[in-house]
Amino acid sequence: MAESTGAEEDTAIIEAFLDGLWMERGLANNTLSAYRSDLQAFARWLRAGERPTLLRIGRADVMGYLSARVAAGSSRRSGARLLSTLRRFYRFQVRQGAMEHDPTARVDAPRAGRPLPASLDEDEVECLLDAPDGETTLGLRDRAMLEVLYATGLRVSELVSLRMDQINRRQGVVRVTGKGGKERLVPLGEAALAALDNYLDGARGVTPAASTTSAVFITGRGQGMTRQAFWYRIRDHARNAGIHKSLSPHTLRHSFATHLLNHGADLRVVQLLLGHSDLSTTQVYTHVARARLQALHAGHHPRG
């Protein structure tokens, strides 16, 4: 009987709030229904845990409910929307004199997380790098582009705009002009340098009009590559390699960063190599790397 009385009390409070909201704001029925649904779900959670009714809760109850929603698989965006509903409800109650303090006042909204970048595992990268036909001029070019991209973590736009004077083959580094005109030196590594040598000393030299352009990577007509053209080539090679993941032009850049962190690289070193001005931009890769390590542990540890 007491539970029924509590439910009826909560329902009356919610409807009074929605009536007041409609009078103040003239909100659409769909919006009011969403508020009603959120508040009813919160009231049910309170009653299920034998907690106080809607007007007798504290900050700990709000925090507990948001945490329970996250544990149940609710998204951060959904949690932020729910907290917005609760804030509006309890500010209304304080204005009406029904409550002295707003229990949501010192509760932070869950931050909408950035989507984790898609990347390939190391075996998939090897398959992709081996996909171009090394017996053709286009195959040598594509292999060099893929190797350089994975070895350096360049943006695709940085890769296709590379000029001959930006590559120092003797020292094995590439000088990159990134966002904001900032320059950085990035090591190529032995495999990328070997693929680049094969392309520059062979395929590029026999391409018509190659001597008239300073672009490193050129088309069969001797013109510089575009991002779109290279993206089509990546997709074709991925398909031929049997890779069915959803790829983006930056997949190898994301793989570069993730694999470095998986093998113990310092986050600030990865930041410098990627050309990020802010470390927080690079930190998203720590979540990807951690997820890979957890999956590896779960799959191979006897008690995983």
Protein backbone atom coordinates (compact mmCIF):
# COMPACT_ATOMS: atom_id res chain seq x y z
CA MET A 1 0.00 0.00 0.00
CA ALA A 2 2.86 2.35 0.90
CA GLU A 3 4.51 1.65 -2.46
CA SER A 4 1.28 2.46 -4.27
CA THR A 5 0.96 5.71 -2.32
CA GLY A 6 4.54 6.65 -3.23
CA ALA A 7 3.93 5.93 -6.89
CA GLU A 8 0.76 8.03 -6.88
CA GLU A 9 2.59 10.88 -5.15
CA ASP A 10 5.41 10.76 -7.73
CA THR A 11 2.94 10.68 -10.62
CA ALA A 12 1.12 13.74 -9.29
CA ILE A 13 4.40 15.61 -8.85
CA ILE A 14 5.55 14.75 -12.37
CA GLU A 15 2.24 15.80 -13.95
CA ALA A 16 2.26 19.09 -12.04
CA PHE A 17 5.78 19.76 -13.34
CA LEU A 18 4.75 18.97 -16.93
CA ASP A 19 1.71 21.23 -16.64
CA GLY A 20 3.90 24.04 -15.37
CA LEU A 21 6.41 23.42 -18.14
CA TRP A 22 3.71 23.54 -20.77
CA MET A 23 2.40 26.82 -19.34
CA GLU A 24 5.90 28.38 -19.25
CA ARG A 25 7.39 27.05 -22.46
CA GLY A 26 4.56 25.69 -24.57
CA LEU A 27 6.58 22.57 -25.36
CA ALA A 28 5.42 19.98 -27.86
CA ASN A 29 3.65 16.83 -26.66
CA ASN A 30 6.57 14.63 -27.79
CA THR A 31 8.97 16.66 -25.63
CA LEU A 32 6.66 16.49 -22.63
CA SER A 33 6.28 12.73 -23.15
CA ALA A 34 10.07 12.32 -23.13
CA TYR A 35 10.32 14.25 -19.85
CA ARG A 36 7.51 12.13 -18.38
CA SER A 37 9.22 8.89 -19.43
CA ASP A 38 12.58 9.95 -17.94
CA LEU A 39 11.07 11.04 -14.65
CA GLN A 40 8.86 7.96 -14.31
CA ALA A 41 11.89 5.72 -14.89
CA PHE A 42 13.82 7.58 -12.20
CA ALA A 43 10.89 7.30 -9.78
CA ARG A 44 10.62 3.55 -10.41
CA TRP A 45 14.34 3.13 -9.75
CA LEU A 46 14.01 5.01 -6.48
CA ARG A 47 11.09 2.85 -5.34
CA ALA A 48 12.80 -0.40 -6.41
CA GLY A 49 15.73 0.42 -4.16
CA GLU A 50 13.48 1.54 -1.32
CA ARG A 51 14.89 5.04 -1.65
CA PRO A 52 13.07 8.30 -0.87
CA THR A 53 10.44 9.66 -3.24
CA LEU A 54 11.23 12.26 -5.89
CA LEU A 55 11.09 15.26 -3.55
CA ARG A 56 13.16 13.69 -0.79
CA ILE A 57 16.33 12.67 -2.57
CA GLY A 58 19.90 13.97 -2.49
CA ARG A 59 22.85 14.29 -4.83
CA ALA A 60 23.97 10.70 -4.05
CA ASP A 61 20.68 9.37 -5.40
CA VAL A 62 21.11 11.23 -8.69
CA MET A 63 24.70 10.03 -9.01
CA GLY A 64 23.64 6.48 -8.19
CA TYR A 65 20.96 6.49 -10.86
CA LEU A 66 23.26 7.86 -13.57
CA SER A 67 25.89 5.25 -12.66
CA ALA A 68 23.29 2.49 -12.80
CA ARG A 69 22.22 3.63 -16.25
CA VAL A 70 25.83 3.57 -17.50
CA ALA A 71 26.32 0.09 -16.02
CA ALA A 72 23.19 -1.05 -17.87
CA GLY A 73 24.70 0.07 -21.17
CA SER A 74 23.20 3.54 -21.53
CA SER A 75 25.24 5.88 -23.74
CA ARG A 76 26.87 9.04 -22.44
CA ARG A 77 24.63 11.08 -24.71
CA SER A 78 21.58 9.44 -23.16
CA GLY A 79 22.96 10.11 -19.68
CA ALA A 80 23.51 13.78 -20.48
CA ARG A 81 19.95 14.10 -21.77
CA LEU A 82 18.58 12.40 -18.64
CA LEU A 83 20.54 14.72 -16.35
CA SER A 84 19.16 17.69 -18.29
CA THR A 85 15.63 16.43 -17.58
CA LEU A 86 16.36 15.98 -13.87
CA ARG A 87 17.93 19.44 -13.63
CA ARG A 88 14.92 21.10 -15.19
CA PHE A 89 12.59 19.12 -12.90
CA TYR A 90 14.44 19.95 -9.67
CA ARG A 91 15.02 23.61 -10.52
CA PHE A 92 11.27 23.85 -11.01
CA GLN A 93 10.69 22.25 -7.59
CA VAL A 94 13.06 24.72 -5.91
CA ARG A 95 11.33 27.67 -7.61
CA GLN A 96 7.98 26.33 -6.43
CA GLY A 97 9.25 25.98 -2.87
CA ALA A 98 8.72 22.21 -2.85
CA MET A 99 12.45 21.65 -2.20
CA GLU A 100 15.09 23.75 -0.52
CA HIS A 101 18.10 22.47 -2.47
CA ASP A 102 18.57 21.21 -6.04
CA PRO A 103 20.12 17.69 -5.83
CA THR A 104 21.49 18.01 -9.38
CA ALA A 105 23.35 21.29 -8.71
CA ARG A 106 26.78 19.70 -8.27
CA VAL A 107 26.37 16.78 -10.65
CA ASP A 108 28.48 16.94 -13.81
CA ALA A 109 26.97 15.88 -17.10
CA PRO A 110 28.67 12.84 -18.66
CA ARG A 111 30.94 14.04 -21.43
CA ALA A 112 30.01 12.87 -24.89
CA GLY A 113 32.94 10.66 -25.75
CA ARG A 114 34.75 11.04 -29.04
CA PRO A 115 34.29 8.07 -31.31
CA LEU A 116 37.25 5.74 -31.23
CA PRO A 117 39.17 5.74 -34.52
CA ALA A 118 39.00 2.58 -36.59
CA SER A 119 42.31 0.79 -37.05
CA LEU A 120 43.65 -2.48 -38.37
CA ASP A 121 45.49 -5.08 -36.32
CA GLU A 122 49.09 -5.82 -37.23
CA ASP A 123 48.31 -8.90 -39.33
CA GLU A 124 45.74 -6.94 -41.33
CA VAL A 125 48.26 -4.18 -41.95
CA GLU A 126 50.75 -6.73 -43.28
CA CYS A 127 48.11 -8.11 -45.64
CA LEU A 128 47.26 -4.62 -46.86
CA LEU A 129 50.91 -3.70 -47.44
CA ASP A 130 51.45 -6.90 -49.43
CA ALA A 131 48.37 -6.36 -51.61
CA PRO A 132 49.86 -4.11 -54.38
CA ASP A 133 51.45 -5.94 -57.31
CA GLY A 134 55.19 -5.30 -57.05
CA GLU A 135 55.70 -6.20 -60.71
CA THR A 136 53.89 -3.08 -61.95
CA THR A 137 54.71 0.63 -61.74
CA LEU A 138 51.39 1.40 -60.03
CA GLY A 139 51.91 -1.47 -57.62
CA LEU A 140 55.35 -0.18 -56.64
CA ARG A 141 53.92 3.30 -56.13
CA ASP A 142 50.99 2.07 -54.04
CA ARG A 143 53.24 -0.16 -51.92
CA ALA A 144 55.53 2.81 -51.26
CA MET A 145 52.58 5.04 -50.33
CA LEU A 146 51.11 2.47 -47.96
CA GLU A 147 54.47 1.74 -46.35
CA VAL A 148 55.22 5.44 -45.85
CA LEU A 149 51.75 6.07 -44.50
CA TYR A 150 51.97 3.28 -41.94
CA ALA A 151 55.59 4.04 -41.00
CA THR A 152 55.04 7.75 -40.41
CA GLY A 153 51.38 8.19 -39.45
CA LEU A 154 51.02 11.02 -41.96
CA ARG A 155 47.61 12.39 -42.85
CA VAL A 156 46.62 11.33 -46.37
CA SER A 157 46.64 14.99 -47.40
CA GLU A 158 50.23 15.27 -46.14
CA LEU A 159 51.23 12.12 -48.00
CA VAL A 160 49.86 13.08 -51.42
CA SER A 161 51.32 16.60 -51.16
CA LEU A 162 54.86 15.39 -50.42
CA ARG A 163 57.54 16.92 -52.64
CA MET A 164 60.88 15.40 -53.54
CA ASP A 165 62.77 17.98 -51.45
CA GLN A 166 60.88 16.89 -48.32
CA ILE A 167 62.41 13.41 -48.33
CA ASN A 168 65.94 12.76 -47.11
CA ARG A 169 66.66 9.19 -48.15
CA ARG A 170 70.18 9.23 -46.77
CA GLN A 171 69.00 10.13 -43.26
CA GLY A 172 65.74 8.19 -43.62
CA VAL A 173 63.41 11.02 -42.62
CA VAL A 174 60.60 13.01 -44.16
CA ARG A 175 59.93 16.68 -43.45
CA VAL A 176 56.20 17.23 -43.20
CA THR A 177 54.24 20.47 -43.31
CA GLY A 178 51.13 19.84 -41.24
CA LYS A 179 48.14 21.82 -40.05
CA GLY A 180 48.83 25.48 -39.39
CA GLY A 181 51.98 25.30 -41.51
CA LYS A 182 53.88 23.54 -38.71
CA GLU A 183 56.80 21.40 -39.80
CA ARG A 184 57.95 18.15 -38.22
CA LEU A 185 60.57 15.52 -39.02
CA VAL A 186 59.33 11.94 -39.03
CA PRO A 187 61.53 8.83 -39.42
CA LEU A 188 60.64 6.49 -42.27
CA GLY A 189 61.92 3.15 -41.01
CA GLU A 190 63.72 0.49 -43.05
CA ALA A 191 60.69 -1.13 -44.73
CA ALA A 192 59.19 2.19 -45.85
CA LEU A 193 62.56 3.46 -47.05
CA ALA A 194 63.15 0.28 -49.06
CA ALA A 195 59.71 0.54 -50.69
CA LEU A 196 60.31 4.21 -51.40
CA ASP A 197 63.70 3.46 -53.00
CA ASN A 198 62.13 0.80 -55.23
CA TYR A 199 59.51 3.26 -56.37
CA LEU A 200 61.71 6.33 -56.85
CA ASP A 201 64.58 4.47 -58.54
CA GLY A 202 62.30 2.41 -60.75
CA ALA A 203 58.61 3.10 -61.30
CA ARG A 204 58.62 6.89 -60.92
CA GLY A 205 61.57 7.35 -63.25
CA VAL A 206 59.83 5.61 -66.15
CA THR A 207 56.53 7.44 -65.68
CA PRO A 208 55.89 9.99 -68.46
CA ALA A 209 56.42 13.63 -67.43
CA ALA A 210 57.84 12.58 -64.04
CA SER A 211 60.71 15.06 -64.44
CA THR A 212 58.30 17.98 -64.76
CA THR A 213 56.72 17.64 -61.29
CA SER A 214 58.15 17.82 -57.79
CA ALA A 215 55.42 15.59 -56.36
CA VAL A 216 56.76 12.34 -54.92
CA PHE A 217 53.75 10.18 -55.74
CA ILE A 218 52.37 10.65 -59.24
CA THR A 219 49.76 9.13 -61.50
CA GLY A 220 50.44 7.24 -64.70
CA ARG A 221 50.22 10.59 -66.52
CA GLY A 222 52.88 12.17 -64.35
CA GLN A 223 50.51 14.27 -62.27
CA GLY A 224 50.31 14.50 -58.50
CA MET A 225 48.01 12.09 -56.68
CA THR A 226 44.81 13.33 -55.02
CA ARG A 227 43.38 12.20 -51.69
CA GLN A 228 40.37 10.74 -53.45
CA ALA A 229 42.43 8.77 -55.96
CA PHE A 230 44.61 7.27 -53.23
CA TRP A 231 41.55 6.49 -51.10
CA TYR A 232 40.09 4.47 -53.99
CA ARG A 233 43.39 2.60 -54.27
CA ILE A 234 43.39 1.79 -50.53
CA ARG A 235 39.87 0.37 -50.74
CA ASP A 236 40.77 -1.77 -53.76
CA HIS A 237 43.87 -3.16 -52.05
CA ALA A 238 41.94 -3.83 -48.82
CA ARG A 239 39.32 -5.73 -50.79
CA ASN A 240 42.00 -7.78 -52.54
CA ALA A 241 43.64 -8.48 -49.19
CA GLY A 242 40.37 -9.86 -47.79
CA ILE A 243 39.93 -7.01 -45.30
CA HIS A 244 36.25 -6.32 -44.78
CA LYS A 245 36.41 -3.73 -42.02
CA SER A 246 35.01 -0.27 -42.60
CA LEU A 247 38.05 1.81 -43.55
CA SER A 248 38.67 5.54 -43.68
CA PRO A 249 41.46 7.50 -45.40
CA HIS A 250 43.14 7.77 -41.99
CA THR A 251 42.91 4.08 -41.02
CA LEU A 252 46.66 3.53 -41.39
CA ARG A 253 47.38 6.71 -39.43
CA HIS A 254 45.17 5.40 -36.62
CA SER A 255 46.85 1.99 -36.85
CA PHE A 256 50.29 3.64 -36.67
CA ALA A 257 49.42 5.42 -33.42
CA THR A 258 47.67 2.44 -31.85
CA HIS A 259 50.46 -0.03 -32.64
CA LEU A 260 53.13 2.33 -31.30
CA LEU A 261 51.28 2.62 -28.00
CA ASN A 262 50.68 -1.13 -27.88
CA HIS A 263 54.43 -1.61 -28.12
CA GLY A 264 55.19 0.83 -25.32
CA ALA A 265 55.77 4.15 -27.07
CA ASP A 266 55.44 7.29 -24.97
CA LEU A 267 52.25 9.24 -25.61
CA ARG A 268 54.11 12.53 -26.13
CA VAL A 269 56.35 10.92 -28.74
CA VAL A 270 53.27 9.74 -30.61
CA GLN A 271 51.85 13.26 -30.30
CA LEU A 272 54.95 14.72 -31.96
CA LEU A 273 54.97 12.13 -34.73
CA LEU A 274 51.30 12.72 -35.52
CA GLY A 275 51.69 16.49 -35.44
CA HIS A 276 49.00 17.04 -32.81
CA SER A 277 49.21 20.43 -31.14
CA ASP A 278 47.26 19.22 -28.09
CA LEU A 279 48.04 16.04 -26.16
CA SER A 280 44.34 15.47 -25.50
CA THR A 281 43.86 14.80 -29.22
CA THR A 282 46.40 11.98 -29.03
CA GLN A 283 44.95 10.50 -25.84
CA VAL A 284 42.01 8.96 -27.70
CA TYR A 285 44.47 6.34 -28.96
CA THR A 286 45.21 5.18 -25.42
CA HIS A 287 41.60 3.96 -25.21
CA VAL A 288 42.00 2.05 -28.47
CA ALA A 289 45.29 0.53 -27.34
CA ARG A 290 43.84 -0.41 -23.96
CA ALA A 291 40.88 -2.09 -25.64
CA ARG A 292 43.24 -4.13 -27.85
CA LEU A 293 45.30 -5.22 -24.85
CA GLN A 294 42.21 -6.20 -22.88
CA ALA A 295 40.90 -8.25 -25.79
CA LEU A 296 44.29 -9.93 -26.15
CA HIS A 297 44.36 -10.73 -22.44
CA ALA A 298 40.81 -12.09 -22.48
CA GLY A 299 41.54 -14.27 -25.50
CA HIS A 300 44.85 -15.76 -24.40
CA HIS A 301 45.17 -15.63 -20.62
CA PRO A 302 44.05 -18.88 -18.95
CA ARG A 303 41.90 -16.90 -16.55
CA GLY A 304 40.95 -14.19 -19.03
